[in-house]
């Protein structure tokens, strides 16, 4: 009798272990499925075909030209993409970057290739405040008409335990050419972005 009870207990124990293993597998599968849902295209454009979310891998350049990779990550505050660049629109422009891995190095660098929106005699520079996941990490001052690289080194822990990087550029002095009778565009621009990379 004791042997039968022991056998039954062993079988129940093994069944319970298999149940726990299945539950864990389902939990992991559910997490992965969260990254393969469908979402709108470029949200800043207000329309676009549905597409699968593209995970961002550290070290991959995000290009801002027409038809290039930035369309997968633009969240808000961007104009229409041009030949190799996209102008910011309004005082805030953001990128939504679902990460391909949560295994972060001790430090990462955020680098942006851009040029400021300037109006001769009136606007000679643009202040660009960089925020990562809601916290400010840098203040860049962009001057001149040439495209330049701006970068900031931040601790890897800033990105740890978060499956997504919310990268925001705040440009409080964004202006439109119409404001200064320098053109007919009434949209406020701060900078033209050519490339962003996190590595």
N, C-alpha and C. Protein backbone atom coordinates (compact mmCIF):
# COMPACT_ATOMS: atom_id res chain seq x y z
N UNK A 1 0.83 -1.22 0.00
CA UNK A 1 0.00 0.00 0.00
C UNK A 1 0.86 1.26 0.00
N UNK A 2 1.91 1.23 0.84
CA UNK A 2 2.80 2.40 0.91
C UNK A 2 3.50 2.62 -0.42
N UNK A 3 3.85 1.46 -1.08
CA UNK A 3 4.51 1.59 -2.38
C UNK A 3 3.61 2.22 -3.41
N UNK A 4 2.33 1.86 -3.40
CA UNK A 4 1.39 2.44 -4.37
C UNK A 4 1.23 3.93 -4.12
N UNK A 5 1.10 4.32 -2.83
CA UNK A 5 0.97 5.75 -2.49
C UNK A 5 2.20 6.53 -2.94
N UNK A 6 3.37 5.95 -2.71
CA UNK A 6 4.60 6.62 -3.12
C UNK A 6 4.69 6.81 -4.61
N UNK A 7 4.24 5.76 -5.36
CA UNK A 7 4.25 5.84 -6.82
C UNK A 7 3.32 6.94 -7.32
N UNK A 8 2.11 6.99 -6.71
CA UNK A 8 1.14 8.02 -7.10
C UNK A 8 1.68 9.42 -6.80
N UNK A 9 2.32 9.57 -5.63
CA UNK A 9 2.88 10.87 -5.26
C UNK A 9 3.96 11.30 -6.24
N UNK A 10 4.80 10.32 -6.65
CA UNK A 10 5.86 10.63 -7.61
C UNK A 10 5.29 11.06 -8.94
N UNK A 11 4.21 10.35 -9.39
CA UNK A 11 3.58 10.72 -10.66
C UNK A 11 2.97 12.11 -10.60
N UNK A 12 2.33 12.43 -9.46
CA UNK A 12 1.74 13.77 -9.31
C UNK A 12 2.81 14.83 -9.30
N UNK A 13 3.94 14.54 -8.65
CA UNK A 13 5.05 15.50 -8.58
C UNK A 13 5.59 15.79 -9.97
N UNK A 14 5.77 14.72 -10.78
CA UNK A 14 6.27 14.92 -12.14
C UNK A 14 5.27 15.69 -12.99
N UNK A 15 3.99 15.40 -12.82
CA UNK A 15 2.96 16.12 -13.57
C UNK A 15 2.97 17.60 -13.22
N UNK A 16 3.16 17.91 -11.93
CA UNK A 16 3.21 19.30 -11.50
C UNK A 16 4.41 20.02 -12.11
N UNK A 17 5.57 19.35 -12.16
CA UNK A 17 6.76 19.96 -12.75
C UNK A 17 6.54 20.26 -14.23
N UNK A 18 5.88 19.29 -14.95
CA UNK A 18 5.60 19.52 -16.36
C UNK A 18 4.64 20.70 -16.54
N UNK A 19 3.67 20.83 -15.64
CA UNK A 19 2.70 21.93 -15.69
C UNK A 19 3.41 23.27 -15.53
N UNK A 20 4.32 23.33 -14.54
CA UNK A 20 5.07 24.57 -14.31
C UNK A 20 5.92 24.92 -15.52
N UNK A 21 6.55 23.90 -16.12
CA UNK A 21 7.40 24.15 -17.29
C UNK A 21 6.57 24.69 -18.46
N UNK A 22 5.37 24.10 -18.65
CA UNK A 22 4.49 24.57 -19.73
C UNK A 22 4.06 26.00 -19.49
N UNK A 23 3.74 26.34 -18.24
CA UNK A 23 3.32 27.71 -17.92
C UNK A 23 4.44 28.70 -18.22
N UNK A 24 5.68 28.35 -17.88
CA UNK A 24 6.81 29.24 -18.15
C UNK A 24 7.03 29.41 -19.64
N UNK A 25 6.89 28.31 -20.39
CA UNK A 25 7.06 28.39 -21.85
C UNK A 25 6.01 29.30 -22.46
N UNK A 26 4.76 29.18 -21.99
CA UNK A 26 3.69 30.03 -22.49
C UNK A 26 3.94 31.49 -22.16
N UNK A 27 4.50 31.76 -20.96
CA UNK A 27 4.78 33.14 -20.56
C UNK A 27 5.83 33.76 -21.47
N UNK A 28 6.88 32.99 -21.80
CA UNK A 28 7.92 33.49 -22.70
C UNK A 28 7.35 33.73 -24.08
N UNK A 29 6.51 32.79 -24.56
CA UNK A 29 5.92 32.94 -25.88
C UNK A 29 5.03 34.17 -25.96
N UNK A 30 4.29 34.43 -24.88
CA UNK A 30 3.42 35.61 -24.84
C UNK A 30 4.24 36.89 -24.92
N UNK A 31 5.39 36.91 -24.22
CA UNK A 31 6.26 38.09 -24.25
C UNK A 31 6.80 38.33 -25.64
N UNK A 32 7.23 37.25 -26.31
CA UNK A 32 7.76 37.40 -27.66
C UNK A 32 6.70 37.84 -28.64
N UNK A 33 5.46 37.35 -28.45
CA UNK A 33 4.38 37.75 -29.34
C UNK A 33 4.08 39.23 -29.23
N UNK A 34 4.39 39.81 -28.07
CA UNK A 34 4.14 41.25 -27.89
C UNK A 34 4.97 42.07 -28.85
N UNK A 35 6.09 41.51 -29.33
CA UNK A 35 6.95 42.24 -30.25
C UNK A 35 6.62 41.95 -31.71
N UNK A 36 5.63 41.08 -31.97
CA UNK A 36 5.29 40.78 -33.35
C UNK A 36 3.86 41.17 -33.68
N UNK A 37 3.29 42.05 -32.85
CA UNK A 37 1.96 42.56 -33.15
C UNK A 37 2.06 43.55 -34.29
N UNK A 38 0.92 43.88 -34.88
CA UNK A 38 0.92 44.83 -35.97
C UNK A 38 0.53 46.21 -35.46
N UNK A 39 1.14 47.24 -36.02
CA UNK A 39 0.88 48.60 -35.58
C UNK A 39 0.84 49.49 -36.81
N UNK A 40 0.37 50.74 -36.66
CA UNK A 40 0.35 51.64 -37.81
C UNK A 40 1.75 51.93 -38.31
N UNK A 41 1.83 52.49 -39.52
CA UNK A 41 3.11 52.93 -40.05
C UNK A 41 3.58 54.16 -39.30
N UNK A 42 4.25 55.06 -39.96
CA UNK A 42 4.78 56.28 -39.34
C UNK A 42 3.64 57.03 -38.65
N UNK A 43 3.65 57.02 -37.31
CA UNK A 43 2.57 57.65 -36.56
C UNK A 43 2.53 59.15 -36.77
N UNK A 44 3.68 59.76 -37.05
CA UNK A 44 3.71 61.20 -37.22
C UNK A 44 2.98 61.62 -38.49
N UNK A 45 2.87 60.70 -39.44
CA UNK A 45 2.21 61.02 -40.69
C UNK A 45 0.70 60.85 -40.58
N UNK A 46 0.27 60.15 -39.53
CA UNK A 46 -1.15 59.98 -39.30
C UNK A 46 -1.80 58.90 -40.12
N UNK A 47 -1.04 58.23 -40.98
CA UNK A 47 -1.59 57.16 -41.79
C UNK A 47 -0.47 56.26 -42.25
N UNK A 48 -0.84 55.21 -42.94
CA UNK A 48 0.19 54.31 -43.44
C UNK A 48 -0.25 52.88 -43.28
N UNK A 49 0.32 51.96 -44.06
CA UNK A 49 -0.08 50.56 -44.00
C UNK A 49 0.35 49.93 -42.67
N UNK A 50 -0.41 48.93 -42.24
CA UNK A 50 -0.01 48.23 -41.04
C UNK A 50 1.26 47.45 -41.34
N UNK A 51 2.14 47.33 -40.35
CA UNK A 51 3.39 46.63 -40.54
C UNK A 51 3.80 45.97 -39.23
N UNK A 52 4.67 45.01 -39.35
CA UNK A 52 5.16 44.32 -38.16
C UNK A 52 6.23 45.16 -37.48
N UNK A 53 6.20 45.20 -36.16
CA UNK A 53 7.19 45.97 -35.41
C UNK A 53 8.58 45.41 -35.69
N UNK A 54 9.54 46.29 -35.93
CA UNK A 54 10.92 45.89 -36.17
C UNK A 54 11.75 46.14 -34.92
N UNK A 55 12.36 45.10 -34.39
CA UNK A 55 13.19 45.23 -33.20
C UNK A 55 14.48 45.97 -33.55
N UNK A 56 14.93 46.79 -32.60
CA UNK A 56 16.16 47.55 -32.83
C UNK A 56 17.35 46.83 -32.19
N UNK A 57 18.38 46.62 -32.97
CA UNK A 57 19.62 46.01 -32.49
C UNK A 57 20.67 47.09 -32.27
N UNK A 58 21.30 47.09 -31.11
CA UNK A 58 22.33 48.08 -30.81
C UNK A 58 23.40 48.05 -31.89
N UNK A 59 23.84 49.23 -32.31
CA UNK A 59 24.86 49.34 -33.34
C UNK A 59 24.31 49.48 -34.74
N UNK A 60 22.98 49.44 -34.88
CA UNK A 60 22.36 49.56 -36.20
C UNK A 60 21.99 51.02 -36.48
N UNK A 61 22.52 51.63 -37.54
CA UNK A 61 22.17 53.02 -37.86
C UNK A 61 20.70 53.13 -38.28
N UNK A 62 20.03 54.14 -37.76
CA UNK A 62 18.66 54.45 -38.18
C UNK A 62 18.75 55.61 -39.16
N UNK A 63 18.38 55.38 -40.41
CA UNK A 63 18.50 56.38 -41.46
C UNK A 63 17.16 57.10 -41.63
N UNK A 64 17.23 58.42 -41.87
CA UNK A 64 16.03 59.25 -41.91
C UNK A 64 15.60 59.70 -43.30
N UNK A 65 16.16 59.12 -44.34
CA UNK A 65 15.75 59.47 -45.68
C UNK A 65 14.44 58.81 -46.07
N UNK A 66 13.88 59.25 -47.18
CA UNK A 66 12.62 58.72 -47.68
C UNK A 66 12.76 57.22 -47.94
N UNK A 67 11.89 56.41 -47.32
CA UNK A 67 11.91 54.97 -47.51
C UNK A 67 12.95 54.24 -46.69
N UNK A 68 13.67 54.96 -45.82
CA UNK A 68 14.70 54.32 -45.00
C UNK A 68 14.14 53.90 -43.64
N UNK A 69 15.03 53.38 -42.79
CA UNK A 69 14.61 52.64 -41.59
C UNK A 69 13.93 53.46 -40.50
N UNK A 70 14.07 54.78 -40.50
CA UNK A 70 13.46 55.57 -39.42
C UNK A 70 11.95 55.44 -39.39
N UNK A 71 11.35 55.12 -40.54
CA UNK A 71 9.90 54.98 -40.59
C UNK A 71 9.37 53.91 -39.65
N UNK A 72 10.21 52.94 -39.30
CA UNK A 72 9.80 51.89 -38.38
C UNK A 72 9.75 52.37 -36.93
N UNK A 73 10.48 53.44 -36.62
CA UNK A 73 10.65 53.84 -35.23
C UNK A 73 10.09 55.22 -34.88
N UNK A 74 9.74 56.03 -35.89
CA UNK A 74 9.21 57.36 -35.61
C UNK A 74 7.89 57.24 -34.84
N UNK A 75 7.78 58.02 -33.77
CA UNK A 75 6.57 57.99 -32.97
C UNK A 75 5.73 59.24 -33.17
N UNK A 76 6.34 60.41 -33.01
CA UNK A 76 5.62 61.67 -33.19
C UNK A 76 6.61 62.80 -33.40
N UNK A 77 6.12 63.89 -34.00
CA UNK A 77 6.93 65.09 -34.14
C UNK A 77 7.88 65.10 -35.32
N UNK A 78 7.54 64.36 -36.39
CA UNK A 78 8.42 64.33 -37.56
C UNK A 78 7.66 64.76 -38.81
N UNK A 79 8.38 65.43 -39.70
CA UNK A 79 7.79 65.81 -40.97
C UNK A 79 7.96 64.69 -41.98
N UNK A 80 7.64 64.98 -43.22
CA UNK A 80 7.82 64.00 -44.28
C UNK A 80 9.32 63.82 -44.56
N UNK A 81 9.71 62.57 -44.78
CA UNK A 81 11.11 62.28 -45.06
C UNK A 81 11.52 62.85 -46.41
N UNK A 82 12.74 63.40 -46.45
CA UNK A 82 13.27 63.93 -47.69
C UNK A 82 14.40 63.07 -48.22
N UNK A 83 15.28 63.67 -48.98
CA UNK A 83 16.39 62.95 -49.60
C UNK A 83 17.52 62.79 -48.58
N UNK A 84 17.40 61.77 -47.73
CA UNK A 84 18.45 61.48 -46.75
C UNK A 84 18.22 62.07 -45.37
N UNK A 85 17.12 62.77 -45.15
CA UNK A 85 16.89 63.43 -43.86
C UNK A 85 15.39 63.56 -43.58
N UNK A 86 15.08 63.93 -42.34
CA UNK A 86 13.72 64.28 -41.95
C UNK A 86 13.77 65.45 -40.99
N UNK A 87 12.97 66.49 -41.24
CA UNK A 87 12.89 67.62 -40.32
C UNK A 87 12.01 67.27 -39.12
N UNK A 88 12.40 67.76 -37.96
CA UNK A 88 11.52 67.67 -36.80
C UNK A 88 10.37 68.65 -37.00
N UNK A 89 9.23 68.36 -36.39
CA UNK A 89 8.08 69.28 -36.44
C UNK A 89 7.57 69.50 -35.03
N UNK A 90 7.43 70.77 -34.65
CA UNK A 90 7.03 71.09 -33.28
C UNK A 90 8.24 71.07 -32.36
N UNK A 91 7.98 71.14 -31.08
CA UNK A 91 9.07 71.23 -30.11
C UNK A 91 9.52 69.88 -29.55
N UNK A 92 8.84 68.80 -29.93
CA UNK A 92 9.21 67.47 -29.44
C UNK A 92 9.10 66.45 -30.57
N UNK A 93 10.16 65.66 -30.71
CA UNK A 93 10.16 64.59 -31.70
C UNK A 93 10.70 63.33 -31.03
N UNK A 94 10.01 62.21 -31.23
CA UNK A 94 10.38 61.01 -30.48
C UNK A 94 10.50 59.78 -31.36
N UNK A 95 11.32 58.84 -30.86
CA UNK A 95 11.51 57.55 -31.49
C UNK A 95 11.14 56.46 -30.49
N UNK A 96 10.48 55.42 -30.97
CA UNK A 96 10.08 54.27 -30.14
C UNK A 96 10.88 53.08 -30.63
N UNK A 97 11.82 52.59 -29.78
CA UNK A 97 12.74 51.55 -30.22
C UNK A 97 12.58 50.27 -29.39
N UNK A 98 11.81 49.30 -29.88
CA UNK A 98 11.72 48.00 -29.19
C UNK A 98 13.06 47.28 -29.33
N UNK A 99 13.66 46.89 -28.21
CA UNK A 99 15.00 46.32 -28.24
C UNK A 99 14.98 44.84 -28.61
N UNK A 100 16.00 44.44 -29.36
CA UNK A 100 16.14 43.03 -29.74
C UNK A 100 16.73 42.21 -28.61
N UNK A 101 17.40 42.86 -27.65
CA UNK A 101 17.98 42.17 -26.51
C UNK A 101 17.95 43.09 -25.30
N UNK A 102 17.88 42.49 -24.12
CA UNK A 102 17.93 43.28 -22.89
C UNK A 102 19.28 43.09 -22.19
N UNK A 103 20.21 42.43 -22.88
CA UNK A 103 21.55 42.23 -22.35
C UNK A 103 22.40 43.44 -22.73
N UNK A 104 22.48 44.41 -21.81
CA UNK A 104 23.11 45.70 -22.11
C UNK A 104 24.57 45.74 -21.63
N UNK A 105 25.43 46.45 -22.37
CA UNK A 105 26.80 46.68 -21.89
C UNK A 105 26.78 47.68 -20.74
N UNK A 106 27.93 47.91 -20.13
CA UNK A 106 28.00 48.83 -18.99
C UNK A 106 27.73 50.27 -19.40
N UNK A 107 27.99 50.59 -20.64
CA UNK A 107 27.72 51.95 -21.13
C UNK A 107 27.35 51.92 -22.60
N UNK A 108 26.51 52.85 -23.02
CA UNK A 108 26.13 52.94 -24.43
C UNK A 108 26.25 54.39 -24.88
N UNK A 109 26.45 54.56 -26.17
CA UNK A 109 26.56 55.90 -26.77
C UNK A 109 25.37 56.13 -27.69
N UNK A 110 24.79 57.31 -27.55
CA UNK A 110 23.74 57.74 -28.48
C UNK A 110 24.35 58.81 -29.38
N UNK A 111 24.34 58.56 -30.68
CA UNK A 111 24.92 59.51 -31.62
C UNK A 111 23.89 59.89 -32.67
N UNK A 112 23.80 61.19 -32.95
CA UNK A 112 22.86 61.69 -33.96
C UNK A 112 23.62 62.55 -34.96
N UNK A 113 23.30 62.35 -36.21
CA UNK A 113 23.85 63.18 -37.30
C UNK A 113 22.73 64.12 -37.73
N UNK A 114 22.97 65.44 -37.57
CA UNK A 114 21.89 66.41 -37.82
C UNK A 114 22.43 67.79 -38.16
N UNK A 115 21.52 68.65 -38.58
CA UNK A 115 21.85 70.07 -38.75
C UNK A 115 20.64 70.87 -38.28
N UNK A 116 20.87 72.05 -37.71
CA UNK A 116 19.77 72.85 -37.15
C UNK A 116 18.98 73.60 -38.21
N UNK A 117 17.75 73.94 -37.86
CA UNK A 117 16.93 74.80 -38.71
C UNK A 117 17.24 76.24 -38.32
N UNK A 118 17.82 76.99 -39.24
CA UNK A 118 18.25 78.35 -38.95
C UNK A 118 17.59 79.35 -39.89
N UNK A 119 17.44 80.57 -39.39
CA UNK A 119 16.96 81.68 -40.20
C UNK A 119 17.97 82.81 -40.04
N UNK A 120 18.72 83.14 -41.08
CA UNK A 120 19.76 84.17 -40.98
C UNK A 120 19.28 85.45 -40.30
N UNK A 121 20.09 85.93 -39.40
CA UNK A 121 19.88 87.17 -38.64
C UNK A 121 18.86 87.00 -37.50
N UNK A 122 18.11 85.92 -37.51
CA UNK A 122 17.08 85.74 -36.48
C UNK A 122 17.33 84.50 -35.61
N UNK A 123 17.56 83.38 -36.24
CA UNK A 123 17.78 82.13 -35.49
C UNK A 123 19.13 81.57 -35.91
N UNK A 124 20.11 81.63 -35.01
CA UNK A 124 21.47 81.24 -35.35
C UNK A 124 21.91 79.93 -34.71
N UNK A 125 21.06 79.33 -33.87
CA UNK A 125 21.38 78.05 -33.25
C UNK A 125 20.09 77.41 -32.75
N UNK A 126 20.18 76.12 -32.43
CA UNK A 126 19.05 75.40 -31.87
C UNK A 126 19.53 74.56 -30.68
N UNK A 127 18.82 74.68 -29.57
CA UNK A 127 19.09 73.86 -28.40
C UNK A 127 18.30 72.56 -28.53
N UNK A 128 19.00 71.43 -28.39
CA UNK A 128 18.35 70.12 -28.50
C UNK A 128 18.57 69.37 -27.19
N UNK A 129 17.48 69.13 -26.48
CA UNK A 129 17.53 68.39 -25.22
C UNK A 129 17.18 66.93 -25.49
N UNK A 130 18.03 66.03 -25.03
CA UNK A 130 17.87 64.60 -25.32
C UNK A 130 17.35 63.88 -24.07
N UNK A 131 16.26 63.13 -24.25
CA UNK A 131 15.66 62.37 -23.15
C UNK A 131 15.62 60.89 -23.51
N UNK A 132 15.97 60.06 -22.54
CA UNK A 132 15.89 58.61 -22.70
C UNK A 132 14.97 58.05 -21.62
N UNK A 133 13.89 57.41 -22.04
CA UNK A 133 12.90 56.84 -21.11
C UNK A 133 12.45 57.86 -20.06
N UNK A 134 12.25 59.10 -20.51
CA UNK A 134 11.71 60.14 -19.64
C UNK A 134 12.72 60.96 -18.88
N UNK A 135 13.99 60.56 -18.89
CA UNK A 135 15.03 61.31 -18.16
C UNK A 135 15.99 62.02 -19.10
N UNK A 136 16.32 63.26 -18.77
CA UNK A 136 17.22 64.02 -19.65
C UNK A 136 18.65 63.51 -19.50
N UNK A 137 19.33 63.33 -20.65
CA UNK A 137 20.70 62.82 -20.63
C UNK A 137 21.68 63.76 -21.32
N UNK A 138 21.18 64.74 -22.10
CA UNK A 138 22.11 65.63 -22.81
C UNK A 138 21.42 66.91 -23.24
N UNK A 139 22.26 67.95 -23.46
CA UNK A 139 21.82 69.22 -24.06
C UNK A 139 22.83 69.56 -25.15
N UNK A 140 22.37 69.54 -26.38
CA UNK A 140 23.23 69.85 -27.51
C UNK A 140 22.86 71.22 -28.07
N UNK A 141 23.87 71.99 -28.46
CA UNK A 141 23.64 73.26 -29.13
C UNK A 141 24.16 73.13 -30.56
N UNK A 142 23.24 73.16 -31.51
CA UNK A 142 23.61 72.99 -32.92
C UNK A 142 23.70 74.35 -33.60
N UNK A 143 24.84 74.60 -34.24
CA UNK A 143 25.06 75.86 -34.95
C UNK A 143 25.58 75.57 -36.35
N UNK A 144 25.43 76.53 -37.24
CA UNK A 144 25.96 76.40 -38.59
C UNK A 144 25.07 75.56 -39.49
N UNK A 145 25.36 75.65 -40.78
CA UNK A 145 24.51 75.01 -41.79
C UNK A 145 24.98 73.60 -42.17
N UNK A 146 26.13 73.18 -41.63
CA UNK A 146 26.65 71.87 -42.00
C UNK A 146 26.09 70.77 -41.09
N UNK A 147 26.03 69.56 -41.63
CA UNK A 147 25.61 68.38 -40.86
C UNK A 147 26.74 67.98 -39.92
N UNK A 148 26.40 67.80 -38.65
CA UNK A 148 27.41 67.45 -37.65
C UNK A 148 26.95 66.26 -36.82
N UNK A 149 27.94 65.60 -36.18
CA UNK A 149 27.64 64.50 -35.26
C UNK A 149 27.57 65.02 -33.84
N UNK A 150 26.54 64.59 -33.11
CA UNK A 150 26.39 64.89 -31.69
C UNK A 150 26.24 63.56 -30.96
N UNK A 151 26.90 63.43 -29.82
CA UNK A 151 26.79 62.16 -29.11
C UNK A 151 26.87 62.34 -27.60
N UNK A 152 26.36 61.35 -26.90
CA UNK A 152 26.39 61.34 -25.43
C UNK A 152 26.57 59.90 -24.98
N UNK A 153 27.43 59.72 -24.00
CA UNK A 153 27.66 58.40 -23.40
C UNK A 153 26.81 58.29 -22.14
N UNK A 154 26.03 57.22 -22.01
CA UNK A 154 25.18 57.04 -20.84
C UNK A 154 25.40 55.65 -20.26
N UNK A 155 25.13 55.48 -18.96
CA UNK A 155 25.28 54.15 -18.34
C UNK A 155 24.32 53.14 -18.95
N UNK A 156 24.77 51.91 -19.12
CA UNK A 156 23.91 50.88 -19.67
C UNK A 156 22.68 50.62 -18.82
N UNK A 157 22.79 50.89 -17.52
CA UNK A 157 21.65 50.64 -16.63
C UNK A 157 20.46 51.54 -16.96
N UNK A 158 20.72 52.62 -17.69
CA UNK A 158 19.63 53.50 -18.11
C UNK A 158 18.63 52.74 -19.00
N UNK A 159 19.13 51.75 -19.72
CA UNK A 159 18.28 51.00 -20.64
C UNK A 159 17.89 49.63 -20.12
N UNK A 160 18.52 49.18 -19.03
CA UNK A 160 18.28 47.84 -18.54
C UNK A 160 16.86 47.68 -18.01
N UNK A 161 16.38 46.44 -18.10
CA UNK A 161 15.06 46.04 -17.59
C UNK A 161 13.92 46.78 -18.28
N UNK A 162 14.21 47.33 -19.45
CA UNK A 162 13.16 47.98 -20.24
C UNK A 162 13.21 47.38 -21.64
N UNK A 163 12.13 46.79 -22.12
CA UNK A 163 12.15 46.20 -23.47
C UNK A 163 12.11 47.23 -24.59
N UNK A 164 11.90 48.49 -24.23
CA UNK A 164 11.76 49.55 -25.24
C UNK A 164 12.56 50.78 -24.80
N UNK A 165 13.21 51.44 -25.76
CA UNK A 165 13.86 52.73 -25.51
C UNK A 165 12.99 53.82 -26.11
N UNK A 166 12.57 54.75 -25.27
CA UNK A 166 11.83 55.93 -25.74
C UNK A 166 12.84 57.08 -25.83
N UNK A 167 13.19 57.43 -27.05
CA UNK A 167 14.19 58.47 -27.28
C UNK A 167 13.47 59.73 -27.78
N UNK A 168 13.64 60.82 -27.02
CA UNK A 168 12.92 62.05 -27.36
C UNK A 168 13.89 63.21 -27.49
N UNK A 169 13.65 64.03 -28.52
CA UNK A 169 14.45 65.24 -28.74
C UNK A 169 13.52 66.44 -28.56
N UNK A 170 13.84 67.25 -27.55
CA UNK A 170 13.03 68.44 -27.29
C UNK A 170 13.78 69.66 -27.80
N UNK A 171 13.12 70.43 -28.65
CA UNK A 171 13.75 71.61 -29.26
C UNK A 171 12.84 72.80 -28.96
N UNK A 172 13.04 73.44 -27.81
CA UNK A 172 12.11 74.48 -27.35
C UNK A 172 12.03 75.71 -28.24
N UNK A 173 13.08 75.94 -29.04
CA UNK A 173 13.09 77.14 -29.87
C UNK A 173 12.82 76.84 -31.34
N UNK A 174 12.12 75.74 -31.59
CA UNK A 174 11.74 75.41 -32.98
C UNK A 174 10.86 76.52 -33.55
N UNK A 175 11.09 76.89 -34.79
CA UNK A 175 10.36 78.00 -35.41
C UNK A 175 9.96 77.63 -36.83
N UNK A 176 9.06 78.41 -37.40
CA UNK A 176 8.69 78.24 -38.80
C UNK A 176 9.24 79.41 -39.60
N UNK A 177 9.48 79.18 -40.88
CA UNK A 177 9.97 80.27 -41.72
C UNK A 177 8.92 81.36 -41.88
N UNK A 178 7.65 80.98 -41.75
CA UNK A 178 6.58 81.96 -41.88
C UNK A 178 6.59 82.97 -40.74
N UNK A 179 7.06 82.54 -39.57
CA UNK A 179 7.13 83.44 -38.41
C UNK A 179 7.98 84.68 -38.68
N UNK A 180 8.98 84.49 -39.54
CA UNK A 180 9.91 85.60 -39.81
C UNK A 180 9.81 86.09 -41.25
N UNK A 181 8.69 85.76 -41.88
CA UNK A 181 8.48 86.16 -43.28
C UNK A 181 9.63 85.71 -44.17
N UNK A 182 10.22 84.54 -43.80
CA UNK A 182 11.34 84.01 -44.57
C UNK A 182 10.91 82.86 -45.48
N UNK A 183 9.61 82.62 -45.53
CA UNK A 183 9.08 81.54 -46.35
C UNK A 183 7.61 81.35 -46.08
N UNK A 184 7.03 80.35 -46.73
CA UNK A 184 5.59 80.13 -46.59
C UNK A 184 5.24 78.93 -45.71
N UNK A 185 6.25 78.23 -45.22
CA UNK A 185 6.01 77.03 -44.40
C UNK A 185 5.63 77.45 -42.98
N UNK A 186 4.43 77.04 -42.54
CA UNK A 186 3.99 77.43 -41.20
C UNK A 186 4.32 76.38 -40.13
N UNK A 187 5.02 75.31 -40.52
CA UNK A 187 5.39 74.27 -39.56
C UNK A 187 6.67 74.66 -38.83
N UNK A 188 6.70 74.44 -37.52
CA UNK A 188 7.88 74.76 -36.72
C UNK A 188 8.91 73.64 -36.82
N UNK A 189 10.11 73.98 -37.24
CA UNK A 189 11.20 73.01 -37.37
C UNK A 189 12.32 73.34 -36.39
N UNK A 190 13.03 72.31 -35.97
CA UNK A 190 14.17 72.51 -35.08
C UNK A 190 15.47 71.99 -35.66
N UNK A 191 15.40 70.82 -36.30
CA UNK A 191 16.61 70.22 -36.86
C UNK A 191 16.24 69.19 -37.92
N UNK A 192 17.16 68.98 -38.84
CA UNK A 192 17.02 67.91 -39.83
C UNK A 192 17.89 66.75 -39.36
N UNK A 193 17.27 65.58 -39.13
CA UNK A 193 18.00 64.40 -38.69
C UNK A 193 18.34 63.53 -39.90
N UNK A 194 19.59 63.09 -39.93
CA UNK A 194 20.07 62.22 -41.00
C UNK A 194 20.28 60.78 -40.51
N UNK A 195 20.70 60.66 -39.25
CA UNK A 195 20.98 59.32 -38.72
C UNK A 195 21.02 59.36 -37.20
N UNK A 196 20.55 58.27 -36.58
CA UNK A 196 20.67 58.07 -35.13
C UNK A 196 21.15 56.64 -34.92
N UNK A 197 22.07 56.47 -33.98
CA UNK A 197 22.56 55.13 -33.68
C UNK A 197 22.83 55.02 -32.18
N UNK A 198 22.51 53.89 -31.60
CA UNK A 198 22.83 53.58 -30.21
C UNK A 198 23.78 52.39 -30.24
N UNK A 199 24.95 52.53 -29.61
CA UNK A 199 25.93 51.43 -29.65
C UNK A 199 26.76 51.39 -28.36
